[in-house]
């Protein structure tokens, strides 16, 4: 089954409508932006797994109060400058898979949004084709109803002439006029149906119905024939359906969220380090004796959080 399955109808107007719908439909654009949002979220999850490195610089002028213990011990109270330039680094060791589960969830959510976009595309193309075929069918019915209306009007005129010439009856005239009025009413009903379908098609294409009617006027009433479509086995079709694939991806994302919520109960360990040049005078920042550094692990274990972790796990499940 080709991706552009509507081309098997060999209808240039239908091909143009499908191309326009896939380019301008607002729902399809919304689905595409949701995919971009999920892609950005995946980038954030990837970044949390990588080491973090930053640079900083600081300058401040300080002085201590003369009325505090350090001053009483002899510390000077005059102002002084302090320059600080350095690097800070940290890396969380994902021992229990918390960050990895978040990454897996974001990846599955991205796949779900991609399948959602594909499902929206398939649904849109199917509805455009359905509305188009319906519109052409109504136009064909209108053409037939127009001819039938002309015939009934002619028959009513003939019946009136026969009555005038004395060879007809009032019943024949009434019946002929009733047939003509019935066909007229049918034409009005078909016109309303045509307007409704045209409006629906214009909404799908984000185009004014009046302009759409002008664009499709050249081949009015030409109903495209439905060929034999290579659908395949029902089981294969189910495996290709984007809405089913989207649901599977959403299930994987939710399962990974549960894993992340469970891993959040365990200790978290990070490696942190910093290196800086600290001096009272800016000219001394290049002096090796101005170096200052720290390095070591950080251990965090949640003990009491008011039930936040339990509620997060219950929400994920």
Protein backbone atom coordinates (compact mmCIF):
# COMPACT_ATOMS: atom_id res chain seq x y z
CA UNK A 1 0.00 0.00 0.00
CA UNK A 2 1.69 3.28 -1.08
CA UNK A 3 2.02 6.14 1.39
CA UNK A 4 0.22 8.42 -1.07
CA UNK A 5 -2.55 5.88 -1.57
CA UNK A 6 -4.96 8.41 -3.08
CA UNK A 7 -2.87 8.52 -6.27
CA UNK A 8 -4.34 5.15 -7.27
CA UNK A 9 -7.59 7.01 -8.09
CA UNK A 10 -5.70 8.92 -10.82
CA UNK A 11 -7.60 12.12 -10.08
CA UNK A 12 -5.56 15.31 -10.45
CA UNK A 13 -7.98 17.37 -8.35
CA UNK A 14 -7.82 14.85 -5.49
CA UNK A 15 -4.01 14.79 -5.67
CA UNK A 16 -3.89 18.59 -5.46
CA UNK A 17 -6.30 18.66 -2.50
CA UNK A 18 -4.31 16.05 -0.59
CA UNK A 19 -1.06 17.94 -1.18
CA UNK A 20 -2.65 21.18 0.00
CA UNK A 21 -4.16 19.56 3.08
CA UNK A 22 -0.87 17.99 4.18
CA UNK A 23 0.83 21.37 3.83
CA UNK A 24 -1.77 23.68 5.40
CA UNK A 25 -3.93 21.69 7.83
CA UNK A 26 -3.74 23.18 11.34
CA UNK A 27 -4.28 19.89 13.19
CA UNK A 28 -1.37 18.33 11.32
CA UNK A 29 0.84 21.30 12.15
CA UNK A 30 -0.14 20.97 15.81
CA UNK A 31 0.83 17.28 15.81
CA UNK A 32 4.17 18.21 14.23
CA UNK A 33 4.95 20.80 16.92
CA UNK A 34 4.16 18.25 19.62
CA UNK A 35 6.79 16.03 18.06
CA UNK A 36 9.28 18.91 18.28
CA UNK A 37 8.34 19.35 21.93
CA UNK A 38 9.01 15.66 22.68
CA UNK A 39 12.32 15.86 20.82
CA UNK A 40 13.38 18.77 23.02
CA UNK A 41 12.34 16.82 26.11
CA UNK A 42 14.49 13.89 24.99
CA UNK A 43 17.42 16.28 24.61
CA UNK A 44 16.94 17.40 28.22
CA UNK A 45 16.93 13.78 29.41
CA UNK A 46 20.12 13.04 27.46
CA UNK A 47 21.80 16.10 28.96
CA UNK A 48 21.14 14.92 32.53
CA UNK A 49 23.16 11.75 31.86
CA UNK A 50 26.24 13.70 30.77
CA UNK A 51 28.77 15.42 33.04
CA UNK A 52 28.05 19.09 33.71
CA UNK A 53 30.84 21.65 33.40
CA UNK A 54 30.57 25.38 34.00
CA UNK A 55 32.76 28.40 34.40
CA UNK A 56 32.30 31.30 36.78
CA UNK A 57 33.93 34.55 37.75
CA UNK A 58 33.30 36.73 40.76
CA UNK A 59 34.51 40.01 42.15
CA UNK A 60 33.42 41.57 45.41
CA UNK A 61 34.63 44.17 47.85
CA UNK A 62 33.95 43.36 51.49
CA UNK A 63 34.54 44.55 55.01
CA UNK A 64 33.63 43.03 58.35
CA UNK A 65 31.81 44.84 61.11
CA UNK A 66 33.82 46.28 63.93
CA UNK A 67 31.17 45.01 66.34
CA UNK A 68 31.53 41.28 65.82
CA UNK A 69 33.72 38.59 67.38
CA UNK A 70 36.23 38.44 64.51
CA UNK A 71 36.97 42.13 64.94
CA UNK A 72 37.39 41.64 68.70
CA UNK A 73 39.96 38.94 67.94
CA UNK A 74 41.97 41.39 65.89
CA UNK A 75 40.64 40.93 62.37
CA UNK A 76 40.97 44.12 60.28
CA UNK A 77 37.79 46.03 59.54
CA UNK A 78 38.99 47.89 56.45
CA UNK A 79 37.58 46.97 53.03
CA UNK A 80 39.33 44.51 50.73
CA UNK A 81 38.87 43.11 47.20
CA UNK A 82 38.37 39.44 46.37
CA UNK A 83 38.71 38.00 42.85
CA UNK A 84 37.50 34.50 42.02
CA UNK A 85 37.75 32.77 38.61
CA UNK A 86 37.20 29.03 38.22
CA UNK A 87 35.44 25.93 36.89
CA UNK A 88 32.78 23.72 38.46
CA UNK A 89 32.00 20.15 37.36
CA UNK A 90 29.49 17.54 38.47
CA UNK A 91 28.31 14.15 37.30
CA UNK A 92 25.52 12.07 38.78
CA UNK A 93 26.35 8.36 38.86
CA UNK A 94 23.12 6.72 37.76
CA UNK A 95 23.49 3.55 39.86
CA UNK A 96 19.79 2.66 40.02
CA UNK A 97 18.77 3.74 36.51
CA UNK A 98 16.74 6.81 37.48
CA UNK A 99 18.12 9.02 34.72
CA UNK A 100 18.19 6.14 32.24
CA UNK A 101 14.51 5.45 32.84
CA UNK A 102 13.69 9.12 32.27
CA UNK A 103 15.62 8.98 29.02
CA UNK A 104 13.76 5.83 27.93
CA UNK A 105 10.45 7.47 28.76
CA UNK A 106 11.31 10.57 26.74
CA UNK A 107 12.44 8.44 23.78
CA UNK A 108 9.20 6.41 23.85
CA UNK A 109 7.16 9.61 24.13
CA UNK A 110 8.94 10.98 21.06
CA UNK A 111 8.08 7.80 19.15
CA UNK A 112 4.47 8.13 20.31
CA UNK A 113 4.28 11.71 19.03
CA UNK A 114 5.79 10.66 15.69
CA UNK A 115 3.15 7.94 15.38
CA UNK A 116 0.50 10.49 16.43
CA UNK A 117 1.61 12.76 13.60
CA UNK A 118 1.43 9.84 11.18
CA UNK A 119 -2.03 8.89 12.48
CA UNK A 120 -3.19 12.49 12.01
CA UNK A 121 -1.78 12.46 8.48
CA UNK A 122 -3.54 9.21 7.59
CA UNK A 123 -6.84 10.38 9.11
CA UNK A 124 -6.59 13.72 7.33
CA UNK A 125 -5.84 12.21 3.92
CA UNK A 126 -8.68 9.71 4.36
CA UNK A 127 -11.18 12.41 5.33
CA UNK A 128 -10.12 14.66 2.44
CA UNK A 129 -10.57 11.77 0.00
CA UNK A 130 -13.93 10.84 1.56
CA UNK A 131 -15.22 14.42 1.38
CA UNK A 132 -13.98 14.82 -2.17
CA UNK A 133 -15.63 11.63 -3.41
CA UNK A 134 -18.81 12.61 -1.54
CA UNK A 135 -18.72 16.05 -3.16
CA UNK A 136 -18.30 14.60 -6.64
CA UNK A 137 -21.12 12.14 -5.97
CA UNK A 138 -23.46 14.95 -4.95
CA UNK A 139 -22.50 16.89 -8.07
CA UNK A 140 -23.33 13.85 -10.20
CA UNK A 141 -26.70 13.55 -8.41
CA UNK A 142 -27.31 17.26 -9.00
CA UNK A 143 -26.68 16.88 -12.73
CA UNK A 144 -29.09 13.94 -12.89
CA UNK A 145 -31.66 15.79 -10.78
CA UNK A 146 -31.40 18.82 -13.08
CA UNK A 147 -32.24 16.69 -16.10
CA UNK A 148 -35.10 15.02 -14.23
CA UNK A 149 -36.39 18.43 -13.16
CA UNK A 150 -36.39 19.64 -16.75
CA UNK A 151 -38.27 16.52 -17.82
CA UNK A 152 -40.90 16.94 -15.10
CA UNK A 153 -41.34 20.62 -15.98
CA UNK A 154 -41.80 19.70 -19.62
CA UNK A 155 -44.28 16.99 -18.62
CA UNK A 156 -46.20 19.52 -16.49
CA UNK A 157 -46.37 21.95 -19.41
CA UNK A 158 -47.62 19.20 -21.72
CA UNK A 159 -50.26 18.15 -19.20
CA UNK A 160 -51.44 21.76 -18.93
CA UNK A 161 -51.70 22.02 -22.73
CA UNK A 162 -53.63 18.75 -22.90
CA UNK A 163 -56.03 20.09 -20.28
CA UNK A 164 -56.43 23.33 -22.23
CA UNK A 165 -57.18 21.37 -25.42
CA UNK A 166 -59.71 19.24 -23.59
CA UNK A 167 -57.86 15.93 -23.87
CA UNK A 168 -56.35 15.97 -20.36
CA UNK A 169 -57.60 15.91 -16.79
CA UNK A 170 -57.01 17.99 -13.70
CA UNK A 171 -55.53 14.93 -11.96
CA UNK A 172 -52.86 14.56 -14.64
CA UNK A 173 -51.94 18.23 -14.33
CA UNK A 174 -51.76 18.04 -10.52
CA UNK A 175 -49.64 14.89 -10.66
CA UNK A 176 -47.24 16.44 -13.18
CA UNK A 177 -46.86 19.61 -11.11
CA UNK A 178 -46.28 17.52 -7.98
CA UNK A 179 -43.49 15.61 -9.72
CA UNK A 180 -41.88 18.88 -10.82
CA UNK A 181 -42.06 20.31 -7.28
CA UNK A 182 -40.63 17.09 -5.86
CA UNK A 183 -37.64 17.31 -8.19
CA UNK A 184 -37.21 20.98 -7.31
CA UNK A 185 -37.18 20.12 -3.62
CA UNK A 186 -34.61 17.40 -4.29
CA UNK A 187 -32.39 19.94 -6.06
CA UNK A 188 -32.57 22.25 -3.05
CA UNK A 189 -31.70 19.40 -0.67
CA UNK A 190 -28.73 18.41 -2.84
CA UNK A 191 -27.58 22.05 -2.90
CA UNK A 192 -27.59 22.13 0.90
CA UNK A 193 -25.64 18.85 1.04
CA UNK A 194 -23.16 20.19 -1.50
CA UNK A 195 -22.61 23.36 0.56
CA UNK A 196 -22.12 21.37 3.78
CA UNK A 197 -19.55 19.01 2.23
CA UNK A 198 -17.78 21.91 0.51
CA UNK A 199 -17.52 23.75 3.83
CA UNK A 200 -16.16 20.64 5.54
CA UNK A 201 -13.58 20.19 2.79
CA UNK A 202 -12.61 23.86 3.00
CA UNK A 203 -12.09 23.50 6.76
CA UNK A 204 -9.74 20.56 6.21
CA UNK A 205 -7.77 22.56 3.65
CA UNK A 206 -7.87 25.88 5.56
CA UNK A 207 -9.36 27.45 2.41
CA UNK A 208 -12.48 29.49 1.70
CA UNK A 209 -15.29 27.28 0.26
CA UNK A 210 -16.03 29.82 -2.50
CA UNK A 211 -12.49 29.62 -3.88
CA UNK A 212 -12.51 25.84 -3.49
CA UNK A 213 -15.73 25.63 -5.51
CA UNK A 214 -14.08 27.63 -8.31
CA UNK A 215 -11.01 25.39 -8.28
CA UNK A 216 -13.10 22.21 -8.57
CA UNK A 217 -15.63 23.50 -11.09
CA UNK A 218 -13.81 22.22 -14.18
CA UNK A 219 -14.42 18.51 -13.41
CA UNK A 220 -17.73 18.78 -11.54
CA UNK A 221 -19.67 15.54 -11.34
CA UNK A 222 -16.73 13.29 -12.33
CA UNK A 223 -16.73 10.70 -9.56
CA UNK A 224 -13.34 8.91 -9.16
CA UNK A 225 -13.57 5.15 -9.39
CA UNK A 226 -12.27 3.07 -6.49
CA UNK A 227 -9.75 0.47 -7.69
CA UNK A 228 -8.83 -2.75 -5.93
CA UNK A 229 -6.62 -1.63 -3.04
CA UNK A 230 -3.74 -3.89 -1.84
CA UNK A 231 -4.79 -3.94 1.80
CA UNK A 232 -3.10 -7.20 2.79
CA UNK A 233 -3.84 -9.41 5.77
CA UNK A 234 -5.77 -7.87 8.69
CA UNK A 235 -2.98 -8.82 11.12
CA UNK A 236 -0.38 -7.00 8.98
CA UNK A 237 -2.66 -3.98 8.71
CA UNK A 238 -3.02 -3.85 12.50
CA UNK A 239 0.76 -3.89 12.94
CA UNK A 240 1.09 -0.94 10.55
CA UNK A 241 -1.65 1.20 12.08
CA UNK A 242 -0.01 4.32 13.57
CA UNK A 243 -2.62 4.66 16.32
CA UNK A 244 -1.79 1.16 17.61
CA UNK A 245 1.94 1.87 17.39
CA UNK A 246 1.35 5.14 19.24
CA UNK A 247 -0.47 3.32 22.05
CA UNK A 248 2.41 0.84 22.36
CA UNK A 249 4.96 3.67 22.56
CA UNK A 250 2.87 5.45 25.21
CA UNK A 251 2.79 2.22 27.23
CA UNK A 252 6.59 1.99 27.06
CA UNK A 253 6.88 5.61 28.17
CA UNK A 254 4.54 5.06 31.11
CA UNK A 255 6.42 1.91 32.14
CA UNK A 256 9.71 3.80 32.11
CA UNK A 257 8.14 6.54 34.24
CA UNK A 258 7.20 3.89 36.81
CA UNK A 259 10.80 2.62 36.78
CA UNK A 260 12.11 6.15 37.33
CA UNK A 261 9.70 6.69 40.23
CA UNK A 262 10.87 3.45 41.83
CA UNK A 263 14.56 4.30 41.35
CA UNK A 264 14.00 7.68 42.99
CA UNK A 265 13.59 5.88 46.35
CA UNK A 266 17.28 4.83 46.32
CA UNK A 267 20.37 6.89 47.18
CA UNK A 268 21.78 9.25 44.60
CA UNK A 269 25.51 9.79 44.28
CA UNK A 270 27.21 12.61 42.42
CA UNK A 271 30.85 13.43 41.80
CA UNK A 272 31.57 17.14 42.23
CA UNK A 273 34.67 19.17 41.72
CA UNK A 274 35.77 22.75 41.36
CA UNK A 275 38.99 24.57 40.59
CA UNK A 276 39.44 28.30 40.97
CA UNK A 277 42.01 31.05 41.25
CA UNK A 278 41.21 33.28 44.25
CA UNK A 279 43.18 36.41 45.08
CA UNK A 280 42.89 39.77 46.80
CA UNK A 281 44.35 41.49 43.73
CA UNK A 282 43.39 40.82 40.13
CA UNK A 283 47.02 40.71 39.10
CA UNK A 284 47.56 37.68 41.35
CA UNK A 285 45.02 35.48 39.55
CA UNK A 286 47.78 34.10 37.34
CA UNK A 287 49.85 33.07 40.35
CA UNK A 288 49.76 29.32 41.01
CA UNK A 289 49.64 29.98 44.74
CA UNK A 290 46.17 31.46 44.23
CA UNK A 291 44.72 28.06 43.31
CA UNK A 292 41.80 26.62 45.22
CA UNK A 293 40.07 23.32 44.50
CA UNK A 294 37.60 20.81 45.88
CA UNK A 295 36.74 17.32 44.71
CA UNK A 296 34.63 14.54 46.18
CA UNK A 297 31.38 12.62 46.05
CA UNK A 298 27.97 13.75 47.27
CA UNK A 299 25.57 11.21 48.76
CA UNK A 300 21.85 11.91 49.06
CA UNK A 301 19.24 9.59 50.56
CA UNK A 302 15.61 10.70 50.90
CA UNK A 303 14.37 10.07 54.44
CA UNK A 304 11.23 12.12 54.81
CA UNK A 305 9.47 14.09 52.09
CA UNK A 306 5.86 14.08 53.19
CA UNK A 307 4.99 11.12 50.95
CA UNK A 308 6.06 12.82 47.71
CA UNK A 309 7.94 9.81 46.36
CA UNK A 310 5.09 7.42 47.15
CA UNK A 311 2.55 9.69 45.51
CA UNK A 312 4.77 10.09 42.45
CA UNK A 313 5.04 6.32 42.12
CA UNK A 314 1.26 5.89 42.54
CA UNK A 315 0.64 8.58 39.89
CA UNK A 316 3.03 6.90 37.46
CA UNK A 317 1.44 3.50 38.00
